[in-house]
PDB file of N, CA and C in Angstrom:
ATOM      1  N   MET A   1      76.796  60.314-119.518  1.00  0.00           N
ATOM      2  CA  MET A   1      75.989  61.383-120.082  1.00  0.00           C
ATOM      3  C   MET A   1      75.865  61.225-121.600  1.00  0.00           C
ATOM      4  N   LEU A   2      76.991  61.000-122.265  1.00  0.00           N
ATOM      5  CA  LEU A   2      76.969  60.849-123.717  1.00  0.00           C
ATOM      6  C   LEU A   2      76.117  59.647-124.126  1.00  0.00           C
ATOM      7  N   ARG A   3      76.176  58.595-123.329  1.00  0.00           N
ATOM      8  CA  ARG A   3      75.377  57.404-123.612  1.00  0.00           C
ATOM      9  C   ARG A   3      73.881  57.743-123.578  1.00  0.00           C
ATOM     10  N   ARG A   4      73.470  58.529-122.581  1.00  0.00           N
ATOM     11  CA  ARG A   4      72.056  58.905-122.480  1.00  0.00           C
ATOM     12  C   ARG A   4      71.629  59.780-123.651  1.00  0.00           C
ATOM     13  N   VAL A   5      72.505  60.696-124.052  1.00  0.00           N
ATOM     14  CA  VAL A   5      72.190  61.570-125.189  1.00  0.00           C
ATOM     15  C   VAL A   5      72.037  60.739-126.459  1.00  0.00           C
ATOM     16  N   LEU A   6      72.953  59.802-126.665  1.00  0.00           N
ATOM     17  CA  LEU A   6      72.876  58.952-127.854  1.00  0.00           C
ATOM     18  C   LEU A   6      71.628  58.070-127.818  1.00  0.00           C
ATOM     19  N   ARG A   7      71.311  57.532-126.664  1.00  0.00           N
ATOM     20  CA  ARG A   7      70.108  56.701-126.545  1.00  0.00           C
ATOM     21  C   ARG A   7      68.864  57.536-126.880  1.00  0.00           C
ATOM     22  N   PHE A   8      68.794  58.756-126.339  1.00  0.00           N
ATOM     23  CA  PHE A   8      67.658  59.639-126.618  1.00  0.00           C
ATOM     24  C   PHE A   8      67.578  59.956-128.112  1.00  0.00           C
ATOM     25  N   ALA A   9      68.722  60.308-128.712  1.00  0.00           N
ATOM     26  CA  ALA A   9      68.743  60.642-130.140  1.00  0.00           C
ATOM     27  C   ALA A   9      68.330  59.443-130.983  1.00  0.00           C
ATOM     28  N   SER A  10      68.785  58.259-130.615  1.00  0.00           N
ATOM     29  CA  SER A  10      68.420  57.041-131.351  1.00  0.00           C
ATOM     30  C   SER A  10      66.929  56.771-131.259  1.00  0.00           C
ATOM     31  N   GLN A  11      66.382  56.920-130.065  1.00  0.00           N
ATOM     32  CA  GLN A  11      64.948  56.694-129.876  1.00  0.00           C
ATOM     33  C   GLN A  11      64.120  57.735-130.627  1.00  0.00           C
ATOM     34  N   ALA A  12      64.578  58.982-130.591  1.00  0.00           N
ATOM     35  CA  ALA A  12      63.860  60.049-131.300  1.00  0.00           C
ATOM     36  C   ALA A  12      63.890  59.803-132.807  1.00  0.00           C
ATOM     37  N   ALA A  13      65.048  59.420-133.331  1.00  0.00           N
ATOM     38  CA  ALA A  13      65.161  59.139-134.763  1.00  0.00           C
ATOM     39  C   ALA A  13      64.258  57.973-135.154  1.00  0.00           C
ATOM     40  N   LYS A  14      64.253  56.943-134.326  1.00  0.00           N
ATOM     41  CA  LYS A  14      63.411  55.779-134.608  1.00  0.00           C
ATOM     42  C   LYS A  14      61.929  56.154-134.594  1.00  0.00           C
ATOM     43  N   ALA A  15      61.544  57.001-133.648  1.00  0.00           N
ATOM     44  CA  ALA A  15      60.135  57.395-133.516  1.00  0.00           C
ATOM     45  C   ALA A  15      59.622  58.137-134.744  1.00  0.00           C
ATOM     46  N   VAL A  16      60.497  58.870-135.406  1.00  0.00           N
ATOM     47  CA  VAL A  16      60.066  59.639-136.581  1.00  0.00           C
ATOM     48  C   VAL A  16      60.586  59.031-137.889  1.00  0.00           C
ATOM     49  N   HIS A  17      61.083  57.801-137.796  1.00  0.00           N
ATOM     50  CA  HIS A  17      61.580  57.066-138.966  1.00  0.00           C
ATOM     51  C   HIS A  17      62.692  57.832-139.690  1.00  0.00           C
ATOM     52  N   ALA A  18      63.603  58.380-138.906  1.00  0.00           N
ATOM     53  CA  ALA A  18      64.732  59.133-139.462  1.00  0.00           C
ATOM     54  C   ALA A  18      66.020  58.332-139.296  1.00  0.00           C
ATOM     55  N   ASP A  19      67.001  58.666-140.093  1.00  0.00           N
ATOM     56  CA  ASP A  19      68.318  58.052-139.972  1.00  0.00           C
ATOM     57  C   ASP A  19      69.180  58.918-139.074  1.00  0.00           C
ATOM     58  N   LEU A  20      69.922  58.267-138.201  1.00  0.00           N
ATOM     59  CA  LEU A  20      70.841  58.970-137.312  1.00  0.00           C
ATOM     60  C   LEU A  20      72.257  58.597-137.718  1.00  0.00           C
ATOM     61  N   THR A  21      73.091  59.596-137.881  1.00  0.00           N
ATOM     62  CA  THR A  21      74.488  59.365-138.218  1.00  0.00           C
ATOM     63  C   THR A  21      75.360  60.094-137.215  1.00  0.00           C
ATOM     64  N   LEU A  22      76.349  59.386-136.703  1.00  0.00           N
ATOM     65  CA  LEU A  22      77.332  59.997-135.809  1.00  0.00           C
ATOM     66  C   LEU A  22      78.534  60.403-136.645  1.00  0.00           C
ATOM     67  N   VAL A  23      78.958  61.637-136.498  1.00  0.00           N
ATOM     68  CA  VAL A  23      80.135  62.126-137.211  1.00  0.00           C
ATOM     69  C   VAL A  23      81.185  62.482-136.177  1.00  0.00           C
ATOM     70  N   ASP A  24      82.332  61.828-136.272  1.00  0.00           N
ATOM     71  CA  ASP A  24      83.448  62.093-135.371  1.00  0.00           C
ATOM     72  C   ASP A  24      84.576  62.678-136.205  1.00  0.00           C
ATOM     73  N   VAL A  25      85.074  63.833-135.818  1.00  0.00           N
ATOM     74  CA  VAL A  25      86.157  64.471-136.561  1.00  0.00           C
ATOM     75  C   VAL A  25      87.410  64.480-135.706  1.00  0.00           C
ATOM     76  N   ILE A  26      88.479  63.963-136.281  1.00  0.00           N
ATOM     77  CA  ILE A  26      89.787  63.961-135.637  1.00  0.00           C
ATOM     78  C   ILE A  26      90.585  65.093-136.278  1.00  0.00           C
ATOM     79  N   PRO A  27      90.991  66.084-135.488  1.00  0.00           N
ATOM     80  CA  PRO A  27      91.751  67.199-136.068  1.00  0.00           C
ATOM     81  C   PRO A  27      93.072  66.719-136.674  1.00  0.00           C
ATOM     82  N   ALA A  28      93.393  67.207-137.859  1.00  0.00           N
ATOM     83  CA  ALA A  28      94.662  66.871-138.507  1.00  0.00           C
ATOM     84  C   ALA A  28      95.763  67.724-137.910  1.00  0.00           C
ATOM     85  N   SER A  29      96.966  67.161-137.877  1.00  0.00           N
ATOM     86  CA  SER A  29      98.083  67.904-137.288  1.00  0.00           C
ATOM     87  C   SER A  29      98.631  68.957-138.237  1.00  0.00           C
ATOM     88  N   GLY A  30      98.466  68.732-139.546  1.00  0.00           N
ATOM     89  CA  GLY A  30      98.899  69.726-140.514  1.00  0.00           C
ATOM     90  C   GLY A  30     100.365  69.675-140.888  1.00  0.00           C
ATOM     91  N   SER A  31     101.083  68.636-140.506  1.00  0.00           N
ATOM     92  CA  SER A  31     102.500  68.527-140.844  1.00  0.00           C
ATOM     93  C   SER A  31     102.658  68.157-142.316  1.00  0.00           C
ATOM     94  N   ASP A  32     103.504  68.901-143.028  1.00  0.00           N
ATOM     95  CA  ASP A  32     103.731  68.631-144.443  1.00  0.00           C
ATOM     96  C   ASP A  32     105.136  68.131-144.730  1.00  0.00           C
ATOM     97  N   LEU A  33     105.915  67.861-143.711  1.00  0.00           N
ATOM     98  CA  LEU A  33     107.269  67.377-143.930  1.00  0.00           C
ATOM     99  C   LEU A  33     107.224  65.942-144.439  1.00  0.00           C
ATOM    100  N   PRO A  34     107.961  65.633-145.525  1.00  0.00           N
ATOM    101  CA  PRO A  34     107.904  64.292-146.122  1.00  0.00           C
ATOM    102  C   PRO A  34     108.242  63.173-145.137  1.00  0.00           C
ATOM    103  N   ILE A  35     109.183  63.408-144.259  1.00  0.00           N
ATOM    104  CA  ILE A  35     109.592  62.377-143.303  1.00  0.00           C
ATOM    105  C   ILE A  35     108.464  62.078-142.338  1.00  0.00           C
ATOM    106  N   GLU A  36     107.682  63.085-142.014  1.00  0.00           N
ATOM    107  CA  GLU A  36     106.625  62.912-141.034  1.00  0.00           C
ATOM    108  C   GLU A  36     105.308  62.426-141.644  1.00  0.00           C
ATOM    109  N   LEU A  37     105.192  62.441-142.962  1.00  0.00           N
ATOM    110  CA  LEU A  37     103.927  62.056-143.587  1.00  0.00           C
ATOM    111  C   LEU A  37     103.551  60.612-143.287  1.00  0.00           C
ATOM    112  N   ASP A  38     104.513  59.694-143.394  1.00  0.00           N
ATOM    113  CA  ASP A  38     104.231  58.285-143.111  1.00  0.00           C
ATOM    114  C   ASP A  38     103.835  58.099-141.657  1.00  0.00           C
ATOM    115  N   LEU A  39     104.558  58.751-140.773  1.00  0.00           N
ATOM    116  CA  LEU A  39     104.238  58.668-139.350  1.00  0.00           C
ATOM    117  C   LEU A  39     102.853  59.253-139.087  1.00  0.00           C
ATOM    118  N   GLU A  40     102.549  60.374-139.730  1.00  0.00           N
ATOM    119  CA  GLU A  40     101.239  61.014-139.564  1.00  0.00           C
ATOM    120  C   GLU A  40     100.120  60.102-140.057  1.00  0.00           C
ATOM    121  N   GLU A  41     100.335  59.440-141.190  1.00  0.00           N
ATOM    122  CA  GLU A  41      99.317  58.523-141.715  1.00  0.00           C
ATOM    123  C   GLU A  41      99.073  57.372-140.750  1.00  0.00           C
ATOM    124  N   ARG A  42     100.138  56.820-140.186  1.00  0.00           N
ATOM    125  CA  ARG A  42      99.976  55.725-139.221  1.00  0.00           C
ATOM    126  C   ARG A  42      99.275  56.210-137.962  1.00  0.00           C
ATOM    127  N   LEU A  43      99.620  57.404-137.513  1.00  0.00           N
ATOM    128  CA  LEU A  43      98.986  57.971-136.326  1.00  0.00           C
ATOM    129  C   LEU A  43      97.494  58.217-136.579  1.00  0.00           C
ATOM    130  N   GLN A  44      97.167  58.769-137.732  1.00  0.00           N
ATOM    131  CA  GLN A  44      95.762  59.017-138.070  1.00  0.00           C
ATOM    132  C   GLN A  44      94.980  57.712-138.165  1.00  0.00           C
ATOM    133  N   SER A  45      95.597  56.693-138.736  1.00  0.00           N
ATOM    134  CA  SER A  45      94.942  55.394-138.834  1.00  0.00           C
ATOM    135  C   SER A  45      94.659  54.826-137.449  1.00  0.00           C
ATOM    136  N   ALA A  46      95.627  54.939-136.552  1.00  0.00           N
ATOM    137  CA  ALA A  46      95.442  54.456-135.180  1.00  0.00           C
ATOM    138  C   ALA A  46      94.347  55.248-134.467  1.00  0.00           C
ATOM    139  N   LYS A  47      94.305  56.555-134.700  1.00  0.00           N
ATOM    140  CA  LYS A  47      93.266  57.390-134.082  1.00  0.00           C
ATOM    141  C   LYS A  47      91.887  57.003-134.602  1.00  0.00           C
ATOM    142  N   LYS A  48      91.782  56.736-135.913  1.00  0.00           N
ATOM    143  CA  LYS A  48      90.496  56.331-136.486  1.00  0.00           C
ATOM    144  C   LYS A  48      90.042  54.992-135.912  1.00  0.00           C
ATOM    145  N   GLU A  49      90.977  54.063-135.777  1.00  0.00           N
ATOM    146  CA  GLU A  49      90.635  52.754-135.211  1.00  0.00           C
ATOM    147  C   GLU A  49      90.170  52.898-133.766  1.00  0.00           C
ATOM    148  N   ALA A  50      90.873  53.723-132.989  1.00  0.00           N
ATOM    149  CA  ALA A  50      90.489  53.942-131.588  1.00  0.00           C
ATOM    150  C   ALA A  50      89.116  54.610-131.507  1.00  0.00           C
ATOM    151  N   ALA A  51      88.875  55.585-132.370  1.00  0.00           N
ATOM    152  CA  ALA A  51      87.574  56.260-132.385  1.00  0.00           C
ATOM    153  C   ALA A  51      86.471  55.277-132.753  1.00  0.00           C
ATOM    154  N   SER A  52      86.734  54.431-133.724  1.00  0.00           N
ATOM    155  CA  SER A  52      85.747  53.445-134.148  1.00  0.00           C
ATOM    156  C   SER A  52      85.410  52.479-133.016  1.00  0.00           C
ATOM    157  N   ARG A  53      86.423  52.012-132.314  1.00  0.00           N
ATOM    158  CA  ARG A  53      86.182  51.113-131.175  1.00  0.00           C
ATOM    159  C   ARG A  53      85.369  51.814-130.090  1.00  0.00           C
ATOM    160  N   GLY A  54      85.730  53.057-129.789  1.00  0.00           N
ATOM    161  CA  GLY A  54      85.005  53.810-128.769  1.00  0.00           C
ATOM    162  C   GLY A  54      83.547  54.032-129.144  1.00  0.00           C
ATOM    163  N   ILE A  55      83.309  54.337-130.410  1.00  0.00           N
ATOM    164  CA  ILE A  55      81.938  54.557-130.877  1.00  0.00           C
ATOM    165  C   ILE A  55      81.148  53.253-130.838  1.00  0.00           C
ATOM    166  N   GLU A  56      81.789  52.147-131.209  1.00  0.00           N
ATOM    167  CA  GLU A  56      81.108  50.848-131.134  1.00  0.00           C
ATOM    168  C   GLU A  56      80.678  50.549-129.703  1.00  0.00           C
ATOM    169  N   GLU A  57      81.573  50.792-128.750  1.00  0.00           N
ATOM    170  CA  GLU A  57      81.253  50.554-127.341  1.00  0.00           C
ATOM    171  C   GLU A  57      80.115  51.467-126.884  1.00  0.00           C
ATOM    172  N   LEU A  58      80.185  52.727-127.278  1.00  0.00           N
ATOM    173  CA  LEU A  58      79.144  53.685-126.912  1.00  0.00           C
ATOM    174  C   LEU A  58      77.793  53.269-127.493  1.00  0.00           C
ATOM    175  N   GLN A  59      77.786  52.905-128.761  1.00  0.00           N
ATOM    176  CA  GLN A  59      76.526  52.504-129.398  1.00  0.00           C
ATOM    177  C   GLN A  59      75.957  51.243-128.750  1.00  0.00           C
ATOM    178  N   SER A  60      76.823  50.321-128.410  1.00  0.00           N
ATOM    179  CA  SER A  60      76.364  49.100-127.752  1.00  0.00           C
ATOM    180  C   SER A  60      75.718  49.428-126.411  1.00  0.00           C
ATOM    181  N   ALA A  61      76.360  50.288-125.642  1.00  0.00           N
ATOM    182  CA  ALA A  61      75.839  50.668-124.325  1.00  0.00           C
ATOM    183  C   ALA A  61      74.547  51.475-124.444  1.00  0.00           C
ATOM    184  N   ALA A  62      74.425  52.252-125.514  1.00  0.00           N
ATOM    185  CA  ALA A  62      73.249  53.112-125.694  1.00  0.00           C
ATOM    186  C   ALA A  62      72.141  52.432-126.505  1.00  0.00           C
ATOM    187  N   ILE A  63      72.398  51.196-126.920  1.00  0.00           N
ATOM    188  CA  ILE A  63      71.459  50.462-127.766  1.00  0.00           C
ATOM    189  C   ILE A  63      71.132  51.294-129.014  1.00  0.00           C
ATOM    190  N   SER A  64      72.174  51.704-129.697  1.00  0.00           N
ATOM    191  CA  SER A  64      72.050  52.538-130.888  1.00  0.00           C
ATOM    192  C   SER A  64      72.657  51.805-132.079  1.00  0.00           C
ATOM    193  N   HIS A  65      72.076  52.045-133.247  1.00  0.00           N
ATOM    194  CA  HIS A  65      72.589  51.453-134.482  1.00  0.00           C
ATOM    195  C   HIS A  65      72.798  52.545-135.533  1.00  0.00           C
ATOM    196  N   ALA A  66      73.238  53.699-135.078  1.00  0.00           N
ATOM    197  CA  ALA A  66      73.443  54.833-135.983  1.00  0.00           C
ATOM    198  C   ALA A  66      74.595  54.547-136.938  1.00  0.00           C
ATOM    199  N   ARG A  67      74.496  55.135-138.119  1.00  0.00           N
ATOM    200  CA  ARG A  67      75.628  55.078-139.040  1.00  0.00           C
ATOM    201  C   ARG A  67      76.743  55.923-138.451  1.00  0.00           C
ATOM    202  N   VAL A  68      77.971  55.599-138.826  1.00  0.00           N
ATOM    203  CA  VAL A  68      79.124  56.309-138.283  1.00  0.00           C
ATOM    204  C   VAL A  68      79.993  56.811-139.423  1.00  0.00           C
ATOM    205  N   SER A  69      80.438  58.045-139.291  1.00  0.00           N
ATOM    206  CA  SER A  69      81.382  58.636-140.228  1.00  0.00           C
ATOM    207  C   SER A  69      82.520  59.231-139.410  1.00  0.00           C
ATOM    208  N   ILE A  70      83.742  58.801-139.706  1.00  0.00           N
ATOM    209  CA  ILE A  70      84.915  59.333-139.012  1.00  0.00           C
ATOM    210  C   ILE A  70      85.773  60.038-140.054  1.00  0.00           C
ATOM    211  N   ALA A  71      86.061  61.299-139.810  1.00  0.00           N
ATOM    212  CA  ALA A  71      86.840  62.107-140.748  1.00  0.00           C
ATOM    213  C   ALA A  71      88.046  62.705-140.039  1.00  0.00           C
ATOM    214  N   ILE A  72      89.061  63.023-140.819  1.00  0.00           N
ATOM    215  CA  ILE A  72      90.255  63.674-140.283  1.00  0.00           C
ATOM    216  C   ILE A  72      90.449  64.978-141.039  1.00  0.00           C
ATOM    217  N   GLY A  73      90.590  66.060-140.286  1.00  0.00           N
ATOM    218  CA  GLY A  73      90.793  67.360-140.903  1.00  0.00           C
ATOM    219  C   GLY A  73      90.263  68.464-140.018  1.00  0.00           C
ATOM    220  N   PRO A  74      90.134  69.662-140.565  1.00  0.00           N
ATOM    221  CA  PRO A  74      89.576  70.780-139.803  1.00  0.00           C
ATOM    222  C   PRO A  74      88.123  70.468-139.419  1.00  0.00           C
ATOM    223  N   ILE A  75      87.799  70.608-138.161  1.00  0.00           N
ATOM    224  CA  ILE A  75      86.502  70.178-137.645  1.00  0.00           C
ATOM    225  C   ILE A  75      85.340  70.814-138.408  1.00  0.00           C
ATOM    226  N   ARG A  76      85.341  72.125-138.525  1.00  0.00           N
ATOM    227  CA  ARG A  76      84.227  72.807-139.199  1.00  0.00           C
ATOM    228  C   ARG A  76      84.081  72.328-140.641  1.00  0.00           C
ATOM    229  N   ASP A  77      85.196  72.235-141.353  1.00  0.00           N
ATOM    230  CA  ASP A  77      85.147  71.805-142.749  1.00  0.00           C
ATOM    231  C   ASP A  77      84.650  70.370-142.883  1.00  0.00           C
ATOM    232  N   MET A  78      85.120  69.493-142.007  1.00  0.00           N
ATOM    233  CA  MET A  78      84.724  68.084-142.076  1.00  0.00           C
ATOM    234  C   MET A  78      83.248  67.896-141.736  1.00  0.00           C
ATOM    235  N   LEU A  79      82.756  68.646-140.742  1.00  0.00           N
ATOM    236  CA  LEU A  79      81.330  68.559-140.402  1.00  0.00           C
ATOM    237  C   LEU A  79      80.464  69.110-141.527  1.00  0.00           C
ATOM    238  N   THR A  80      80.904  70.207-142.130  1.00  0.00           N
ATOM    239  CA  THR A  80      80.169  70.787-143.257  1.00  0.00           C
ATOM    240  C   THR A  80      80.125  69.809-144.422  1.00  0.00           C
ATOM    241  N   GLU A  81      81.268  69.206-144.725  1.00  0.00           N
ATOM    242  CA  GLU A  81      81.332  68.243-145.824  1.00  0.00           C
ATOM    243  C   GLU A  81      80.448  67.025-145.547  1.00  0.00           C
ATOM    244  N   ALA A  82      80.504  66.523-144.322  1.00  0.00           N
ATOM    245  CA  ALA A  82      79.691  65.349-143.963  1.00  0.00           C
ATOM    246  C   ALA A  82      78.204  65.671-144.063  1.00  0.00           C
ATOM    247  N   SER A  83      77.797  66.843-143.598  1.00  0.00           N
ATOM    248  CA  SER A  83      76.373  67.192-143.655  1.00  0.00           C
ATOM    249  C   SER A  83      75.907  67.380-145.093  1.00  0.00           C
ATOM    250  N   ARG A  84      76.754  67.926-145.940  1.00  0.00           N
ATOM    251  CA  ARG A  84      76.392  68.060-147.357  1.00  0.00           C
ATOM    252  C   ARG A  84      76.269  66.688-148.008  1.00  0.00           C
ATOM    253  N   ARG A  85      77.250  65.833-147.718  1.00  0.00           N
ATOM    254  CA  ARG A  85      77.265  64.497-148.310  1.00  0.00           C
ATOM    255  C   ARG A  85      76.023  63.696-147.898  1.00  0.00           C
ATOM    256  N   MET A  86      75.583  63.892-146.680  1.00  0.00           N
ATOM    257  CA  MET A  86      74.434  63.141-146.167  1.00  0.00           C
ATOM    258  C   MET A  86      73.121  63.897-146.336  1.00  0.00           C
ATOM    259  N   ARG A  87      73.209  65.113-146.866  1.00  0.00           N
ATOM    260  CA  ARG A  87      72.025  65.975-146.990  1.00  0.00           C
ATOM    261  C   ARG A  87      71.302  66.053-145.652  1.00  0.00           C
ATOM    262  N   ALA A  88      72.078  66.375-144.637  1.00  0.00           N
ATOM    263  CA  ALA A  88      71.588  66.318-143.254  1.00  0.00           C
ATOM    264  C   ALA A  88      70.767  67.534-142.866  1.00  0.00           C
ATOM    265  N   ASP A  89      69.863  67.275-141.946  1.00  0.00           N
ATOM    266  CA  ASP A  89      69.160  68.341-141.245  1.00  0.00           C
ATOM    267  C   ASP A  89      69.927  68.538-139.953  1.00  0.00           C
ATOM    268  N   CYS A  90      70.680  69.613-139.863  1.00  0.00           N
ATOM    269  CA  CYS A  90      71.514  69.851-138.679  1.00  0.00           C
ATOM    270  C   CYS A  90      70.835  70.849-137.768  1.00  0.00           C
ATOM    271  N   TRP A  91      71.045  70.691-136.485  1.00  0.00           N
ATOM    272  CA  TRP A  91      70.533  71.629-135.508  1.00  0.00           C
ATOM    273  C   TRP A  91      71.529  71.806-134.427  1.00  0.00           C
TER     274      TRP A  91
END
């Protein structure tokens, strides 16, 4: 299902000469303990790598070449920040 949605979005963006960007947000755990910070950073890095691989596979299957942005943090805040940074038209 997601593959079909991405394929449709890619085709629609191409038809109107628009840029398509995929934004994936990984929720942060919020741990502030010094001992856990290094572990949290490694975990977040692994999550970003896994997300990137998954998105690459999805884009390949959907024949999409959208830009990708992967962020870690509160979902609403990260999506808001990404849309501002990209000056996006969100719907």
